[in-house]
Amino acid sequence: MTVFINLLPYMKRIDDCKELLDAWSGGLELPMDGPNWDEPVNWHEEFKRFKGHKGPISVHSPIWELNLASARFEMISQYSYEVYKECLEWSAHIGAEQMVVHPSLYSTRLFMREQSQRRSIDNLKRLGEVAQKLRIDLAVENVGFHEFALFDEDEFVRLFEEIPTISALVDVGHAHINGWDTPGLIRRLGERLSAVHLHDNDGIDDLHLPIGGGTIEWEPIWEALRSQKHAYRSILEYDFDTPLATVLEHASLVKRELRK
């Protein structure tokens, strides 16, 4: 078990992430959408600020305006595939061990659910083959809320039965909003689980609160994670401007809970 910290707290003030880099030698998850989610970033240049970090690296590929599941417009899904393929290549170039990908644009309506699922699965299979050649773990995250979710809980589990070249990332906050049995999901996935995104919310909005700040029941989740016998990544994904002291304190909390 390795603890990672996602750089989301620094997305609006990326230069301030030096305080984290000076204090943290564990894993980092780098969001590729850019400091303010406003415009594309030259990530070959941007990575220079993280190049000296000694801990392992995970990459969260871009979210906005990309949709592997677009069934209405094949050109959108094909373009999204090409972008994610390029992101995989960049992840390999910087020595990242994992890249996280969304199977769909989670805020987009599902006009043709079965066709959208099929389009996403076909693209994830292709990306999984690329990732395998690059020796990158391609982790697919559960995203979308209620009618905007491409996969329900059972379909999400089956996704990893159908595609052996990808792994599962369970976002605990997303699962909570959708009413999923998160501890049961973790156990069902077993060794196909490669990572968890850890944050809290009120069961309604994706607030990315610190652990304990919302309505998630954490002890059953800790128990399920402690039951896993394989290596996986525990990634704190806290909201913009979460204080450094809170992030570091909760990284220690995760370590304590998972070592009980």
C-alpha atoms as a PDB file:
ATOM      1  CA  MET A   1       0.000   0.000   0.000  1.00  0.00           C
ATOM      2  CA  THR A   2       1.375   3.392  -1.055  1.00  0.00           C
ATOM      3  CA  VAL A   3      -0.181   6.751  -0.173  1.00  0.00           C
ATOM      4  CA  PHE A   4      -0.390   9.353  -2.931  1.00  0.00           C
ATOM      5  CA  ILE A   5      -1.471  12.998  -2.793  1.00  0.00           C
ATOM      6  CA  ASN A   6      -3.323  14.452  -5.766  1.00  0.00           C
ATOM      7  CA  LEU A   7      -2.281  18.021  -6.588  1.00  0.00           C
ATOM      8  CA  LEU A   8      -5.890  19.238  -6.806  1.00  0.00           C
ATOM      9  CA  PRO A   9      -5.399  21.572  -3.784  1.00  0.00           C
ATOM     10  CA  TYR A  10      -2.813  23.443  -5.882  1.00  0.00           C
ATOM     11  CA  MET A  11      -4.666  23.555  -9.206  1.00  0.00           C
ATOM     12  CA  LYS A  12      -5.439  27.277  -8.834  1.00  0.00           C
ATOM     13  CA  ARG A  13      -2.002  28.143  -7.427  1.00  0.00           C
ATOM     14  CA  ILE A  14       0.339  25.627  -8.962  1.00  0.00           C
ATOM     15  CA  ASP A  15       3.526  27.488  -8.015  1.00  0.00           C
ATOM     16  CA  ASP A  16       2.661  26.964  -4.338  1.00  0.00           C
ATOM     17  CA  CYS A  17       2.965  23.185  -4.717  1.00  0.00           C
ATOM     18  CA  LYS A  18       6.640  23.563  -3.783  1.00  0.00           C
ATOM     19  CA  GLU A  19       5.532  23.547  -0.130  1.00  0.00           C
ATOM     20  CA  LEU A  20       4.122  20.052  -0.652  1.00  0.00           C
ATOM     21  CA  LEU A  21       7.150  18.860  -2.614  1.00  0.00           C
ATOM     22  CA  ASP A  22       9.444  20.056   0.178  1.00  0.00           C
ATOM     23  CA  ALA A  23       7.412  18.247   2.844  1.00  0.00           C
ATOM     24  CA  TRP A  24       6.265  15.065   1.085  1.00  0.00           C
ATOM     25  CA  SER A  25       8.348  12.200  -0.276  1.00  0.00           C
ATOM     26  CA  GLY A  26       5.466   9.822  -0.946  1.00  0.00           C
ATOM     27  CA  GLY A  27       3.402   9.369  -4.083  1.00  0.00           C
ATOM     28  CA  LEU A  28       2.074  12.229  -6.212  1.00  0.00           C
ATOM     29  CA  GLU A  29      -0.878  12.216  -8.596  1.00  0.00           C
ATOM     30  CA  LEU A  30      -0.512  14.854 -11.311  1.00  0.00           C
ATOM     31  CA  PRO A  31      -3.722  16.191 -12.923  1.00  0.00           C
ATOM     32  CA  MET A  32      -3.063  16.887 -16.609  1.00  0.00           C
ATOM     33  CA  ASP A  33      -5.858  19.396 -17.172  1.00  0.00           C
ATOM     34  CA  GLY A  34      -3.553  22.226 -16.152  1.00  0.00           C
ATOM     35  CA  PRO A  35      -3.314  24.626 -13.230  1.00  0.00           C
ATOM     36  CA  ASN A  36      -6.711  26.264 -13.722  1.00  0.00           C
ATOM     37  CA  TRP A  37      -8.494  23.871 -16.079  1.00  0.00           C
ATOM     38  CA  ASP A  38      -8.510  26.795 -18.503  1.00  0.00           C
ATOM     39  CA  GLU A  39      -6.182  25.832 -21.316  1.00  0.00           C
ATOM     40  CA  PRO A  40      -3.888  23.043 -22.498  1.00  0.00           C
ATOM     41  CA  VAL A  41      -0.538  22.837 -20.742  1.00  0.00           C
ATOM     42  CA  ASN A  42       2.892  22.008 -22.139  1.00  0.00           C
ATOM     43  CA  TRP A  43       3.379  19.061 -19.834  1.00  0.00           C
ATOM     44  CA  HIS A  44       6.911  18.304 -21.009  1.00  0.00           C
ATOM     45  CA  GLU A  45       7.781  21.748 -19.664  1.00  0.00           C
ATOM     46  CA  GLU A  46       5.471  21.577 -16.636  1.00  0.00           C
ATOM     47  CA  PHE A  47       6.944  18.306 -15.405  1.00  0.00           C
ATOM     48  CA  LYS A  48      10.253  20.023 -14.678  1.00  0.00           C
ATOM     49  CA  ARG A  49       8.838  21.262 -11.362  1.00  0.00           C
ATOM     50  CA  PHE A  50       8.235  17.623 -10.268  1.00  0.00           C
ATOM     51  CA  LYS A  51      11.253  15.995 -11.858  1.00  0.00           C
ATOM     52  CA  GLY A  52      13.282  15.779  -8.653  1.00  0.00           C
ATOM     53  CA  HIS A  53      10.528  14.146  -6.624  1.00  0.00           C
ATOM     54  CA  LYS A  54      11.686  10.832  -5.177  1.00  0.00           C
ATOM     55  CA  GLY A  55       8.287   9.208  -4.687  1.00  0.00           C
ATOM     56  CA  PRO A  56       6.191   7.313  -7.249  1.00  0.00           C
ATOM     57  CA  ILE A  57       4.080   9.212  -9.776  1.00  0.00           C
ATOM     58  CA  SER A  58       0.507   8.652 -10.919  1.00  0.00           C
ATOM     59  CA  VAL A  59      -1.024  10.735 -13.705  1.00  0.00           C
ATOM     60  CA  HIS A  60      -4.673  11.741 -13.905  1.00  0.00           C
ATOM     61  CA  SER A  61      -5.383  12.216 -17.604  1.00  0.00           C
ATOM     62  CA  PRO A  62      -7.512  15.177 -18.812  1.00  0.00           C
ATOM     63  CA  ILE A  63     -11.243  15.246 -18.120  1.00  0.00           C
ATOM     64  CA  TRP A  64     -12.869  18.150 -19.884  1.00  0.00           C
ATOM     65  CA  GLU A  65     -14.108  18.015 -23.495  1.00  0.00           C
ATOM     66  CA  LEU A  66     -12.979  14.399 -23.924  1.00  0.00           C
ATOM     67  CA  ASN A  67     -15.400  11.487 -24.154  1.00  0.00           C
ATOM     68  CA  LEU A  68     -14.338   7.940 -25.014  1.00  0.00           C
ATOM     69  CA  ALA A  69     -18.007   6.926 -24.939  1.00  0.00           C
ATOM     70  CA  SER A  70     -19.481   9.353 -27.484  1.00  0.00           C
ATOM     71  CA  ALA A  71     -21.843   7.195 -29.526  1.00  0.00           C
ATOM     72  CA  ARG A  72     -23.479  10.051 -31.417  1.00  0.00           C
ATOM     73  CA  PHE A  73     -20.223  11.362 -32.884  1.00  0.00           C
ATOM     74  CA  GLU A  74     -17.513   8.791 -33.506  1.00  0.00           C
ATOM     75  CA  MET A  75     -15.003  11.548 -34.303  1.00  0.00           C
ATOM     76  CA  ILE A  76     -15.222  12.752 -30.677  1.00  0.00           C
ATOM     77  CA  SER A  77     -14.530   9.315 -29.214  1.00  0.00           C
ATOM     78  CA  GLN A  78     -11.719   8.715 -31.714  1.00  0.00           C
ATOM     79  CA  TYR A  79     -10.125  12.080 -30.941  1.00  0.00           C
ATOM     80  CA  SER A  80     -10.416  11.327 -27.216  1.00  0.00           C
ATOM     81  CA  TYR A  81      -8.677   7.985 -27.772  1.00  0.00           C
ATOM     82  CA  GLU A  82      -5.802   9.736 -29.539  1.00  0.00           C
ATOM     83  CA  VAL A  83      -5.422  12.277 -26.717  1.00  0.00           C
ATOM     84  CA  TYR A  84      -5.379   9.549 -24.065  1.00  0.00           C
ATOM     85  CA  LYS A  85      -2.898   7.513 -26.096  1.00  0.00           C
ATOM     86  CA  GLU A  86      -0.613  10.563 -26.152  1.00  0.00           C
ATOM     87  CA  CYS A  87      -1.108  10.950 -22.394  1.00  0.00           C
ATOM     88  CA  LEU A  88      -0.073   7.336 -21.867  1.00  0.00           C
ATOM     89  CA  GLU A  89       3.073   7.942 -23.868  1.00  0.00           C
ATOM     90  CA  TRP A  90       3.852  11.048 -21.806  1.00  0.00           C
ATOM     91  CA  SER A  91       3.207   9.121 -18.585  1.00  0.00           C
ATOM     92  CA  ALA A  92       5.700   6.470 -19.681  1.00  0.00           C
ATOM     93  CA  HIS A  93       8.199   9.175 -20.653  1.00  0.00           C
ATOM     94  CA  ILE A  94       8.204  10.681 -17.137  1.00  0.00           C
ATOM     95  CA  GLY A  95       8.363   7.294 -15.423  1.00  0.00           C
ATOM     96  CA  ALA A  96       4.823   7.276 -14.017  1.00  0.00           C
ATOM     97  CA  GLU A  97       3.575   3.896 -12.861  1.00  0.00           C
ATOM     98  CA  GLN A  98      -0.126   4.580 -13.389  1.00  0.00           C
ATOM     99  CA  MET A  99      -2.469   6.698 -15.500  1.00  0.00           C
ATOM    100  CA  VAL A 100      -6.075   7.285 -14.442  1.00  0.00           C
ATOM    101  CA  VAL A 101      -8.731   7.668 -17.121  1.00  0.00           C
ATOM    102  CA  HIS A 102     -12.458   8.427 -17.105  1.00  0.00           C
ATOM    103  CA  PRO A 103     -14.481   6.039 -19.309  1.00  0.00           C
ATOM    104  CA  SER A 104     -16.811   8.888 -20.291  1.00  0.00           C
ATOM    105  CA  LEU A 105     -17.351  12.608 -19.756  1.00  0.00           C
ATOM    106  CA  TYR A 106     -19.193  12.316 -16.469  1.00  0.00           C
ATOM    107  CA  SER A 107     -21.311  15.472 -16.929  1.00  0.00           C
ATOM    108  CA  THR A 108     -22.664  14.487 -20.363  1.00  0.00           C
ATOM    109  CA  ARG A 109     -26.093  12.908 -20.810  1.00  0.00           C
ATOM    110  CA  LEU A 110     -26.137   9.314 -22.061  1.00  0.00           C
ATOM    111  CA  PHE A 111     -28.203   9.540 -25.217  1.00  0.00           C
ATOM    112  CA  MET A 112     -27.660   5.908 -26.188  1.00  0.00           C
ATOM    113  CA  ARG A 113     -26.510   4.058 -23.084  1.00  0.00           C
ATOM    114  CA  GLU A 114     -25.715   0.626 -24.526  1.00  0.00           C
ATOM    115  CA  GLN A 115     -24.003   2.065 -27.586  1.00  0.00           C
ATOM    116  CA  SER A 116     -22.058   4.487 -25.388  1.00  0.00           C
ATOM    117  CA  GLN A 117     -20.928   1.661 -23.133  1.00  0.00           C
ATOM    118  CA  ARG A 118     -19.783  -0.354 -26.147  1.00  0.00           C
ATOM    119  CA  ARG A 119     -17.884   2.616 -27.600  1.00  0.00           C
ATOM    120  CA  SER A 120     -16.137   3.229 -24.289  1.00  0.00           C
ATOM    121  CA  ILE A 121     -15.266  -0.451 -23.828  1.00  0.00           C
ATOM    122  CA  ASP A 122     -13.813  -0.685 -27.336  1.00  0.00           C
ATOM    123  CA  ASN A 123     -11.632   2.363 -26.707  1.00  0.00           C
ATOM    124  CA  LEU A 124     -10.553   1.153 -23.264  1.00  0.00           C
ATOM    125  CA  LYS A 125      -9.487  -2.145 -24.826  1.00  0.00           C
ATOM    126  CA  ARG A 126      -7.327  -0.268 -27.336  1.00  0.00           C
ATOM    127  CA  LEU A 127      -5.847   1.960 -24.627  1.00  0.00           C
ATOM    128  CA  GLY A 128      -5.244  -1.058 -22.407  1.00  0.00           C
ATOM    129  CA  GLU A 129      -3.151  -2.643 -25.143  1.00  0.00           C
ATOM    130  CA  VAL A 130      -1.094   0.549 -25.480  1.00  0.00           C
ATOM    131  CA  ALA A 131      -0.669   0.778 -21.698  1.00  0.00           C
ATOM    132  CA  GLN A 132       0.469  -2.837 -21.502  1.00  0.00           C
ATOM    133  CA  LYS A 133       3.170  -2.235 -24.108  1.00  0.00           C
ATOM    134  CA  LEU A 134       4.300   0.896 -22.237  1.00  0.00           C
ATOM    135  CA  ARG A 135       4.197  -0.938 -18.888  1.00  0.00           C
ATOM    136  CA  ILE A 136       1.771   1.590 -17.439  1.00  0.00           C
ATOM    137  CA  ASP A 137      -1.138   0.614 -15.205  1.00  0.00           C
ATOM    138  CA  LEU A 138      -4.252   2.068 -16.871  1.00  0.00           C
ATOM    139  CA  ALA A 139      -6.722   2.634 -14.031  1.00  0.00           C
ATOM    140  CA  VAL A 140     -10.363   3.278 -14.986  1.00  0.00           C
ATOM    141  CA  GLU A 141     -12.321   5.383 -12.504  1.00  0.00           C
ATOM    142  CA  ASN A 142     -16.011   5.167 -11.592  1.00  0.00           C
ATOM    143  CA  VAL A 143     -17.455   8.515 -12.667  1.00  0.00           C
ATOM    144  CA  GLY A 144     -20.804  10.140 -13.359  1.00  0.00           C
ATOM    145  CA  PHE A 145     -23.721  10.557 -11.003  1.00  0.00           C
ATOM    146  CA  HIS A 146     -27.093   8.822 -11.246  1.00  0.00           C
ATOM    147  CA  GLU A 147     -28.394   9.068 -14.838  1.00  0.00           C
ATOM    148  CA  PHE A 148     -25.052  10.520 -15.979  1.00  0.00           C
ATOM    149  CA  ALA A 149     -23.101   7.415 -14.914  1.00  0.00           C
ATOM    150  CA  LEU A 150     -22.018   5.234 -17.837  1.00  0.00           C
ATOM    151  CA  PHE A 151     -21.738   2.095 -15.668  1.00  0.00           C
ATOM    152  CA  ASP A 152     -23.671   1.034 -12.598  1.00  0.00           C
ATOM    153  CA  GLU A 153     -21.942  -0.914  -9.820  1.00  0.00           C
ATOM    154  CA  ASP A 154     -22.349  -4.369 -11.378  1.00  0.00           C
ATOM    155  CA  GLU A 155     -21.397  -3.112 -14.848  1.00  0.00           C
ATOM    156  CA  PHE A 156     -18.295  -1.467 -13.391  1.00  0.00           C
ATOM    157  CA  VAL A 157     -17.166  -4.798 -11.927  1.00  0.00           C
ATOM    158  CA  ARG A 158     -17.847  -6.611 -15.206  1.00  0.00           C
ATOM    159  CA  LEU A 159     -15.753  -4.048 -17.081  1.00  0.00           C
ATOM    160  CA  PHE A 160     -12.598  -5.543 -15.562  1.00  0.00           C
ATOM    161  CA  GLU A 161     -13.721  -9.070 -16.295  1.00  0.00           C
ATOM    162  CA  GLU A 162     -14.070  -8.130 -19.954  1.00  0.00           C
ATOM    163  CA  ILE A 163     -10.830  -6.149 -20.294  1.00  0.00           C
ATOM    164  CA  PRO A 164      -7.800  -7.822 -18.650  1.00  0.00           C
ATOM    165  CA  THR A 165      -5.374  -5.025 -19.612  1.00  0.00           C
ATOM    166  CA  ILE A 166      -6.939  -2.347 -17.385  1.00  0.00           C
ATOM    167  CA  SER A 167      -7.419  -2.009 -13.626  1.00  0.00           C
ATOM    168  CA  ALA A 168     -10.042  -0.412 -11.383  1.00  0.00           C
ATOM    169  CA  LEU A 169      -9.784   2.841  -9.477  1.00  0.00           C
ATOM    170  CA  VAL A 170     -12.626   3.187  -6.962  1.00  0.00           C
ATOM    171  CA  ASP A 171     -13.452   6.797  -6.189  1.00  0.00           C
ATOM    172  CA  VAL A 172     -15.023   6.537  -2.747  1.00  0.00           C
ATOM    173  CA  GLY A 173     -16.766   9.907  -3.003  1.00  0.00           C
ATOM    174  CA  HIS A 174     -18.357   9.118  -6.360  1.00  0.00           C
ATOM    175  CA  ALA A 175     -19.531   5.725  -5.120  1.00  0.00           C
ATOM    176  CA  HIS A 176     -21.113   7.362  -2.060  1.00  0.00           C
ATOM    177  CA  ILE A 177     -23.162   9.812  -4.140  1.00  0.00           C
ATOM    178  CA  ASN A 178     -24.460   6.953  -6.282  1.00  0.00           C
ATOM    179  CA  GLY A 179     -25.386   4.830  -3.255  1.00  0.00           C
ATOM    180  CA  TRP A 180     -22.961   2.031  -4.137  1.00  0.00           C
ATOM    181  CA  ASP A 181     -21.816  -0.547  -1.589  1.00  0.00           C
ATOM    182  CA  THR A 182     -18.217   0.703  -1.546  1.00  0.00           C
ATOM    183  CA  PRO A 183     -16.771  -1.907   0.860  1.00  0.00           C
ATOM    184  CA  GLY A 184     -18.510  -4.666  -1.113  1.00  0.00           C
ATOM    185  CA  LEU A 185     -17.227  -3.220  -4.388  1.00  0.00           C
ATOM    186  CA  ILE A 186     -13.662  -3.195  -3.093  1.00  0.00           C
ATOM    187  CA  ARG A 187     -13.952  -6.843  -2.100  1.00  0.00           C
ATOM    188  CA  ARG A 188     -15.611  -7.852  -5.384  1.00  0.00           C
ATOM    189  CA  LEU A 189     -12.856  -6.239  -7.426  1.00  0.00           C
ATOM    190  CA  GLY A 190     -10.116  -7.912  -5.402  1.00  0.00           C
ATOM    191  CA  GLU A 191      -6.796  -7.895  -7.222  1.00  0.00           C
ATOM    192  CA  ARG A 192      -8.294  -5.921 -10.118  1.00  0.00           C
ATOM    193  CA  LEU A 193      -8.362  -2.908  -7.776  1.00  0.00           C
ATOM    194  CA  SER A 194      -5.225  -0.841  -8.305  1.00  0.00           C
ATOM    195  CA  ALA A 195      -6.163   2.414  -6.548  1.00  0.00           C
ATOM    196  CA  VAL A 196      -8.714   4.324  -4.511  1.00  0.00           C
ATOM    197  CA  HIS A 197      -9.466   8.042  -4.524  1.00  0.00           C
ATOM    198  CA  LEU A 198     -10.139   9.035  -0.922  1.00  0.00           C
ATOM    199  CA  HIS A 199     -12.275  12.082  -0.091  1.00  0.00           C
ATOM    200  CA  ASP A 200     -15.611  12.793   1.591  1.00  0.00           C
ATOM    201  CA  ASN A 201     -18.921  14.474   0.699  1.00  0.00           C
ATOM    202  CA  ASP A 202     -22.531  14.877   1.823  1.00  0.00           C
ATOM    203  CA  GLY A 203     -23.912  12.190  -0.498  1.00  0.00           C
ATOM    204  CA  ILE A 204     -25.237  14.847  -2.868  1.00  0.00           C
ATOM    205  CA  ASP A 205     -22.365  16.910  -4.269  1.00  0.00           C
ATOM    206  CA  ASP A 206     -18.805  15.933  -5.207  1.00  0.00           C
ATOM    207  CA  LEU A 207     -17.225  18.177  -2.556  1.00  0.00           C
ATOM    208  CA  HIS A 208     -13.802  16.512  -2.183  1.00  0.00           C
ATOM    209  CA  LEU A 209     -13.831  17.142   1.558  1.00  0.00           C
ATOM    210  CA  PRO A 210     -11.197  15.738   3.904  1.00  0.00           C
ATOM    211  CA  ILE A 211     -11.921  12.285   5.330  1.00  0.00           C
ATOM    212  CA  GLY A 212     -14.501  12.638   8.106  1.00  0.00           C
ATOM    213  CA  GLY A 213     -15.849  15.926   6.776  1.00  0.00           C
ATOM    214  CA  GLY A 214     -18.929  14.398   5.145  1.00  0.00           C
ATOM    215  CA  THR A 215     -21.354  11.519   5.598  1.00  0.00           C
ATOM    216  CA  ILE A 216     -19.283   8.544   4.391  1.00  0.00           C
ATOM    217  CA  GLU A 217     -18.977   5.674   6.893  1.00  0.00           C
ATOM    218  CA  TRP A 218     -15.250   5.101   6.802  1.00  0.00           C
ATOM    219  CA  GLU A 219     -14.646   2.132   9.094  1.00  0.00           C
ATOM    220  CA  PRO A 220     -16.264  -0.440   6.718  1.00  0.00           C
ATOM    221  CA  ILE A 221     -14.145   1.007   3.891  1.00  0.00           C
ATOM    222  CA  TRP A 222     -10.945   0.768   5.947  1.00  0.00           C
ATOM    223  CA  GLU A 223     -11.843  -2.828   6.802  1.00  0.00           C
ATOM    224  CA  ALA A 224     -12.381  -3.697   3.137  1.00  0.00           C
ATOM    225  CA  LEU A 225      -9.093  -2.069   2.149  1.00  0.00           C
ATOM    226  CA  ARG A 226      -7.230  -3.819   4.970  1.00  0.00           C
ATOM    227  CA  SER A 227      -8.591  -7.130   3.703  1.00  0.00           C
ATOM    228  CA  GLN A 228      -6.795  -6.716   0.370  1.00  0.00           C
ATOM    229  CA  LYS A 229      -3.611  -8.761   0.124  1.00  0.00           C
ATOM    230  CA  HIS A 230      -2.207  -7.131  -3.012  1.00  0.00           C
ATOM    231  CA  ALA A 231      -0.503  -3.772  -3.569  1.00  0.00           C
ATOM    232  CA  TYR A 232      -2.704  -0.793  -4.450  1.00  0.00           C
ATOM    233  CA  ARG A 233      -2.484   3.009  -4.285  1.00  0.00           C
ATOM    234  CA  SER A 234      -4.400   5.116  -1.752  1.00  0.00           C
ATOM    235  CA  ILE A 235      -4.780   8.595  -3.235  1.00  0.00           C
ATOM    236  CA  LEU A 236      -5.985  11.627  -1.276  1.00  0.00           C
ATOM    237  CA  GLU A 237      -7.963  13.783  -3.714  1.00  0.00           C
ATOM    238  CA  TYR A 238      -8.884  16.878  -1.688  1.00  0.00           C
ATOM    239  CA  ASP A 239     -10.470  20.070  -2.995  1.00  0.00           C
ATOM    240  CA  PHE A 240      -8.849  23.338  -4.061  1.00  0.00           C
ATOM    241  CA  ASP A 241      -6.881  25.154  -1.359  1.00  0.00           C
ATOM    242  CA  THR A 242      -7.056  22.393   1.255  1.00  0.00           C
ATOM    243  CA  PRO A 243      -4.303  23.424   3.716  1.00  0.00           C
ATOM    244  CA  LEU A 244      -1.022  21.558   3.524  1.00  0.00           C
ATOM    245  CA  ALA A 245      -1.234  20.637   7.207  1.00  0.00           C
ATOM    246  CA  THR A 246      -4.586  18.899   6.626  1.00  0.00           C
ATOM    247  CA  VAL A 247      -3.320  16.993   3.602  1.00  0.00           C
ATOM    248  CA  LEU A 248      -0.215  15.751   5.407  1.00  0.00           C
ATOM    249  CA  GLU A 249      -2.154  14.898   8.577  1.00  0.00           C
ATOM    250  CA  HIS A 250      -4.632  12.840   6.571  1.00  0.00           C
ATOM    251  CA  ALA A 251      -1.904  11.081   4.614  1.00  0.00           C
ATOM    252  CA  SER A 252      -0.634   9.882   8.000  1.00  0.00           C
ATOM    253  CA  LEU A 253      -4.198   8.960   9.007  1.00  0.00           C
ATOM    254  CA  VAL A 254      -4.560   6.741   5.931  1.00  0.00           C
ATOM    255  CA  LYS A 255      -1.284   4.992   6.705  1.00  0.00           C
ATOM    256  CA  ARG A 256      -2.401   4.339  10.285  1.00  0.00           C
ATOM    257  CA  GLU A 257      -5.830   3.022   9.297  1.00  0.00           C
ATOM    258  CA  LEU A 258      -4.493   0.652   6.673  1.00  0.00           C
ATOM    259  CA  ARG A 259      -1.779  -0.755   8.934  1.00  0.00           C
ATOM    260  CA  LYS A 260      -4.126  -1.715  11.788  1.00  0.00           C
END
